[in-house]
């Protein structure tokens, strides 16, 4: 299960803005992206949208879009 949630950092603690479907004491792995980084990535996608037409199938496009290896946030 993968979750994307908004959170606030206060007094050394990340506080989710909504309840999470997790069990008490369940371990998780976090990847933290400041909201400004996410907005920059979305802006880049909007600028480039439609420049290169996709000729593959929808399932391959979905897998690439959801794969962290291809995340624009990982780019230098």
C-alpha atoms as a PDB file:
ATOM      1  CA  UNK A   1       0.000   0.000   0.000  1.00  0.00           C
ATOM      2  CA  UNK A   2       1.336   3.422  -0.926  1.00  0.00           C
ATOM      3  CA  UNK A   3      -0.051   6.607   0.619  1.00  0.00           C
ATOM      4  CA  UNK A   4       0.524  10.214  -0.289  1.00  0.00           C
ATOM      5  CA  UNK A   5      -0.538  12.585   2.475  1.00  0.00           C
ATOM      6  CA  UNK A   6       0.006  16.194   3.406  1.00  0.00           C
ATOM      7  CA  UNK A   7       1.610  16.825   6.791  1.00  0.00           C
ATOM      8  CA  UNK A   8       2.848  19.677   8.936  1.00  0.00           C
ATOM      9  CA  UNK A   9       6.209  19.612  10.723  1.00  0.00           C
ATOM     10  CA  UNK A  10       5.875  21.043  14.256  1.00  0.00           C
ATOM     11  CA  UNK A  11       8.226  20.732  17.214  1.00  0.00           C
ATOM     12  CA  UNK A  12      10.203  17.885  15.653  1.00  0.00           C
ATOM     13  CA  UNK A  13       7.132  15.826  14.710  1.00  0.00           C
ATOM     14  CA  UNK A  14       5.396  15.273  11.371  1.00  0.00           C
ATOM     15  CA  UNK A  15       1.635  15.600  11.852  1.00  0.00           C
ATOM     16  CA  UNK A  16      -0.578  14.274   9.027  1.00  0.00           C
ATOM     17  CA  UNK A  17      -3.458  16.555   8.042  1.00  0.00           C
ATOM     18  CA  UNK A  18      -5.848  13.581   7.979  1.00  0.00           C
ATOM     19  CA  UNK A  19      -6.069  10.212   9.796  1.00  0.00           C
ATOM     20  CA  UNK A  20      -3.935   7.411   8.359  1.00  0.00           C
ATOM     21  CA  UNK A  21      -5.092   3.815   7.808  1.00  0.00           C
ATOM     22  CA  UNK A  22      -2.226   2.366   9.865  1.00  0.00           C
ATOM     23  CA  UNK A  23      -2.090   0.099  12.898  1.00  0.00           C
ATOM     24  CA  UNK A  24      -0.649   1.421  16.152  1.00  0.00           C
ATOM     25  CA  UNK A  25       3.187   1.020  16.158  1.00  0.00           C
ATOM     26  CA  UNK A  26       3.218  -0.064  12.489  1.00  0.00           C
ATOM     27  CA  UNK A  27       6.560   0.749  10.871  1.00  0.00           C
ATOM     28  CA  UNK A  28       6.558   2.757   7.657  1.00  0.00           C
ATOM     29  CA  UNK A  29       9.137   4.255   5.294  1.00  0.00           C
ATOM     30  CA  UNK A  30       8.846   7.968   4.490  1.00  0.00           C
ATOM     31  CA  UNK A  31       9.943  10.000   1.486  1.00  0.00           C
ATOM     32  CA  UNK A  32       9.557  13.695   2.191  1.00  0.00           C
ATOM     33  CA  UNK A  33       9.146  16.284  -0.547  1.00  0.00           C
ATOM     34  CA  UNK A  34       8.578  19.910   0.424  1.00  0.00           C
ATOM     35  CA  UNK A  35       5.403  21.281  -1.164  1.00  0.00           C
ATOM     36  CA  UNK A  36       7.468  23.748  -3.224  1.00  0.00           C
ATOM     37  CA  UNK A  37       9.353  20.816  -4.848  1.00  0.00           C
ATOM     38  CA  UNK A  38       6.078  19.106  -5.728  1.00  0.00           C
ATOM     39  CA  UNK A  39       4.699  22.322  -7.229  1.00  0.00           C
ATOM     40  CA  UNK A  40       7.868  22.791  -9.310  1.00  0.00           C
ATOM     41  CA  UNK A  41       7.506  19.240 -10.619  1.00  0.00           C
ATOM     42  CA  UNK A  42       3.850  19.786 -11.508  1.00  0.00           C
ATOM     43  CA  UNK A  43       4.714  23.042 -13.278  1.00  0.00           C
ATOM     44  CA  UNK A  44       7.391  21.236 -15.313  1.00  0.00           C
ATOM     45  CA  UNK A  45       4.885  18.569 -16.342  1.00  0.00           C
ATOM     46  CA  UNK A  46       2.396  21.238 -17.425  1.00  0.00           C
ATOM     47  CA  UNK A  47       5.048  23.038 -19.510  1.00  0.00           C
ATOM     48  CA  UNK A  48       6.079  19.839 -21.260  1.00  0.00           C
ATOM     49  CA  UNK A  49       2.641  18.296 -21.680  1.00  0.00           C
ATOM     50  CA  UNK A  50       1.977  17.298 -25.273  1.00  0.00           C
ATOM     51  CA  UNK A  51       5.490  17.985 -26.602  1.00  0.00           C
ATOM     52  CA  UNK A  52       6.185  14.300 -27.259  1.00  0.00           C
ATOM     53  CA  UNK A  53       3.177  12.194 -28.256  1.00  0.00           C
ATOM     54  CA  UNK A  54       2.820   8.855 -26.412  1.00  0.00           C
ATOM     55  CA  UNK A  55       2.564   5.930 -28.811  1.00  0.00           C
ATOM     56  CA  UNK A  56       2.613   3.128 -26.230  1.00  0.00           C
ATOM     57  CA  UNK A  57      -0.217   1.472 -24.358  1.00  0.00           C
ATOM     58  CA  UNK A  58      -1.983   2.939 -21.313  1.00  0.00           C
ATOM     59  CA  UNK A  59      -0.703   0.259 -18.883  1.00  0.00           C
ATOM     60  CA  UNK A  60       2.965   0.985 -19.696  1.00  0.00           C
ATOM     61  CA  UNK A  61       2.363   4.714 -19.332  1.00  0.00           C
ATOM     62  CA  UNK A  62       0.723   4.162 -15.920  1.00  0.00           C
ATOM     63  CA  UNK A  63       3.653   1.999 -14.708  1.00  0.00           C
ATOM     64  CA  UNK A  64       6.228   4.595 -15.796  1.00  0.00           C
ATOM     65  CA  UNK A  65       4.231   7.472 -14.297  1.00  0.00           C
ATOM     66  CA  UNK A  66       3.942   5.718 -10.917  1.00  0.00           C
ATOM     67  CA  UNK A  67       7.519   4.372 -10.731  1.00  0.00           C
ATOM     68  CA  UNK A  68       9.753   6.334  -8.326  1.00  0.00           C
ATOM     69  CA  UNK A  69      12.754   5.550 -10.565  1.00  0.00           C
ATOM     70  CA  UNK A  70      11.321   7.939 -13.163  1.00  0.00           C
ATOM     71  CA  UNK A  71      10.206  10.628 -10.690  1.00  0.00           C
ATOM     72  CA  UNK A  72      10.985  14.193 -11.709  1.00  0.00           C
ATOM     73  CA  UNK A  73      11.620  14.868  -8.020  1.00  0.00           C
ATOM     74  CA  UNK A  74      14.674  12.588  -8.219  1.00  0.00           C
ATOM     75  CA  UNK A  75      16.272  14.718 -10.933  1.00  0.00           C
ATOM     76  CA  UNK A  76      19.223  16.937  -9.938  1.00  0.00           C
END
